[in-house]
Protein backbone atom coordinates (compact mmCIF):
# COMPACT_ATOMS: atom_id res chain seq x y z
CA MET A 1 -42.37 156.17 -61.47
CA PHE A 2 -40.65 152.76 -61.87
CA SER A 3 -39.86 150.43 -58.99
CA LYS A 4 -36.18 149.99 -58.12
CA ALA A 5 -36.36 146.48 -59.61
CA CYS A 6 -37.71 147.91 -62.86
CA GLU A 7 -35.00 150.58 -63.00
CA TYR A 8 -32.30 147.94 -62.54
CA GLY A 9 -34.06 145.64 -65.01
CA ILE A 10 -34.10 148.29 -67.72
CA ARG A 11 -30.48 149.20 -67.06
CA ALA A 12 -29.39 145.54 -67.04
CA THR A 13 -31.26 144.82 -70.26
CA LEU A 14 -29.74 147.87 -71.95
CA HIS A 15 -26.25 146.79 -70.88
CA ILE A 16 -26.89 143.29 -72.25
CA ALA A 17 -28.31 144.79 -75.45
CA ALA A 18 -25.27 147.03 -75.99
CA GLN A 19 -22.93 144.08 -75.48
CA SER A 20 -25.07 141.89 -77.74
CA LEU A 21 -24.66 144.45 -80.53
CA GLN A 22 -20.93 143.71 -80.28
CA GLY A 23 -21.56 139.95 -80.40
CA LYS A 24 -20.77 139.43 -76.69
CA ARG A 25 -22.51 137.55 -73.91
CA VAL A 26 -22.41 139.14 -70.46
CA VAL A 27 -22.14 137.37 -67.11
CA LEU A 28 -24.01 138.35 -63.96
CA PRO A 29 -21.09 139.95 -62.04
CA GLU A 30 -20.28 142.18 -65.01
CA ILE A 31 -23.91 143.25 -65.39
CA ALA A 32 -24.29 144.04 -61.69
CA LYS A 33 -21.09 146.09 -61.70
CA ALA A 34 -22.00 147.93 -64.91
CA ILE A 35 -25.38 149.05 -63.55
CA ASP A 36 -24.24 149.53 -59.93
CA SER A 37 -26.72 146.98 -58.58
CA PRO A 38 -26.36 144.29 -55.90
CA GLU A 39 -25.56 140.97 -57.58
CA PRO A 40 -28.29 138.87 -55.87
CA PHE A 41 -30.93 141.48 -56.71
CA THR A 42 -29.69 141.64 -60.30
CA ALA A 43 -29.82 137.83 -60.55
CA LYS A 44 -33.45 137.79 -59.44
CA ILE A 45 -34.38 140.47 -61.98
CA LEU A 46 -32.53 138.72 -64.82
CA GLN A 47 -34.28 135.47 -63.95
CA GLN A 48 -37.62 137.26 -64.33
CA LEU A 49 -36.55 138.79 -67.66
CA ALA A 50 -35.36 135.41 -68.96
CA LYS A 51 -38.64 133.80 -67.89
CA ASN A 52 -40.47 136.44 -69.95
CA LYS A 53 -38.16 135.77 -72.93
CA LEU A 54 -36.70 139.29 -72.90
CA VAL A 55 -33.12 138.09 -72.45
CA GLN A 56 -31.49 134.76 -73.26
CA SER A 57 -29.60 132.99 -70.52
CA ASN A 58 -26.96 130.43 -71.48
CA LYS A 59 -25.15 128.28 -68.94
CA GLY A 60 -21.67 126.87 -69.09
CA PRO A 61 -18.17 128.19 -69.70
CA ASN A 62 -19.29 130.26 -72.71
CA GLY A 63 -22.56 131.22 -71.07
CA GLY A 64 -24.02 134.51 -70.08
CA PHE A 65 -26.87 136.78 -71.04
CA SER A 66 -27.58 138.05 -74.53
CA ILE A 67 -30.34 139.38 -76.76
CA SER A 68 -30.64 138.46 -80.43
CA GLU A 69 -30.52 141.17 -83.10
CA LYS A 70 -34.13 140.40 -84.02
CA ASP A 71 -35.25 140.74 -80.40
CA LEU A 72 -33.44 144.07 -80.00
CA GLU A 73 -35.88 145.51 -82.54
CA ARG A 74 -38.91 143.65 -81.19
CA ILE A 75 -38.52 144.37 -77.48
CA LYS A 76 -39.87 147.71 -76.37
CA LEU A 77 -39.46 149.38 -72.99
CA LYS A 78 -43.12 148.58 -72.28
CA ASP A 79 -42.26 144.85 -72.37
CA LEU A 80 -39.67 145.32 -69.63
CA VAL A 81 -41.98 147.40 -67.43
CA LEU A 82 -44.80 144.86 -67.77
CA ALA A 83 -42.46 141.94 -66.98
CA ILE A 84 -41.14 143.53 -63.79
CA ASP A 85 -43.72 146.00 -62.48
CA GLY A 86 -46.90 144.73 -64.13
CA GLU A 87 -49.64 146.98 -65.48
CA GLY A 88 -49.80 149.44 -62.58
CA LEU A 89 -48.09 152.31 -64.40
CA PHE A 90 -50.59 151.93 -67.24
CA THR A 91 -53.78 151.57 -65.25
CA GLU A 92 -53.52 152.67 -61.62
CA CYS A 93 -54.24 156.04 -60.05
CA GLY A 94 -51.28 158.42 -59.92
CA LEU A 95 -51.85 158.79 -56.17
CA GLY A 96 -52.46 155.09 -55.58
CA LEU A 97 -56.18 155.41 -54.81
CA LYS A 98 -58.30 152.31 -55.34
CA THR A 99 -61.00 154.26 -57.15
CA CYS A 100 -60.01 156.97 -59.58
CA ASP A 101 -61.69 157.59 -62.92
CA GLU A 102 -63.51 160.27 -64.88
CA LEU A 103 -66.51 160.08 -62.55
CA ALA A 104 -64.52 160.11 -59.29
CA PRO A 105 -61.12 161.64 -60.11
CA CYS A 106 -58.30 162.09 -57.63
CA PRO A 107 -56.81 165.62 -57.36
CA ILE A 108 -54.17 164.92 -60.05
CA HIS A 109 -56.25 162.70 -62.35
CA HIS A 110 -56.87 165.21 -65.14
CA THR A 111 -53.28 166.50 -65.07
CA PHE A 112 -51.71 163.05 -64.86
CA LYS A 113 -53.82 161.42 -67.59
CA PRO A 114 -52.15 163.15 -70.60
CA ILE A 115 -48.71 162.68 -69.05
CA ARG A 116 -49.40 158.96 -68.59
CA THR A 117 -50.52 158.79 -72.23
CA GLN A 118 -47.20 160.31 -73.35
CA ILE A 119 -45.21 157.94 -71.14
CA ILE A 120 -47.09 154.93 -72.48
CA ALA A 121 -46.49 156.08 -76.08
CA MET A 122 -42.75 156.42 -75.38
CA LEU A 123 -42.58 152.99 -73.73
CA GLU A 124 -44.51 151.36 -76.60
CA THR A 125 -42.36 152.85 -79.36
CA THR A 126 -38.85 152.81 -77.88
CA SER A 127 -36.92 149.66 -78.77
CA LEU A 128 -33.88 148.18 -77.09
CA LYS A 129 -32.07 148.60 -80.41
CA THR A 130 -32.59 152.37 -80.34
CA LEU A 131 -31.39 152.77 -76.77
CA SER A 132 -28.50 150.32 -76.97
CA SER A 133 -27.29 152.03 -80.15
CA GLN A 134 -27.13 155.30 -78.17
CA LEU A 135 -25.01 153.54 -75.53
CA GLU A 136 -22.73 152.02 -78.17
CA ALA A 137 -22.25 155.41 -79.87
CA GLY A 138 -21.44 157.09 -76.55
CA ASP A 139 -24.52 159.33 -76.76
CA ALA A 140 -25.90 157.91 -73.48
CA VAL A 141 -24.55 156.26 -70.31
CA LEU A 142 -25.89 153.83 -67.71
CA LYS A 143 -23.53 154.68 -64.88
CA VAL A 144 -21.95 157.99 -63.95
């Protein structure tokens, strides 16, 4: 459903969010290790997230990545998906066909449409604060 970059981006952002709740900034090597992602790939993803103002990047000896308390509430999963994967999940055919709509549906169109609607609703309403709070409470994990 998500690209590998998007999966790592969501995981990285959630790790940063959980650490930000504790007032900590997180450096790239720690993030990559925490989400089990190659460091160069993680760096590229974090650069994209910072460019889209979904994480803050601070340089220097006290630098690292963080997310403000206000932004933890504001940022929804949909923002992350759009920043990394674009609108494809929200608009494209479930089978990747160029033309797929009510008039010329692919074989899964009518089954996939309500599922996509539910996924979009979840992505639009789920905040980083909600998910990072689950991590902080030990109710969820990012790495097994």
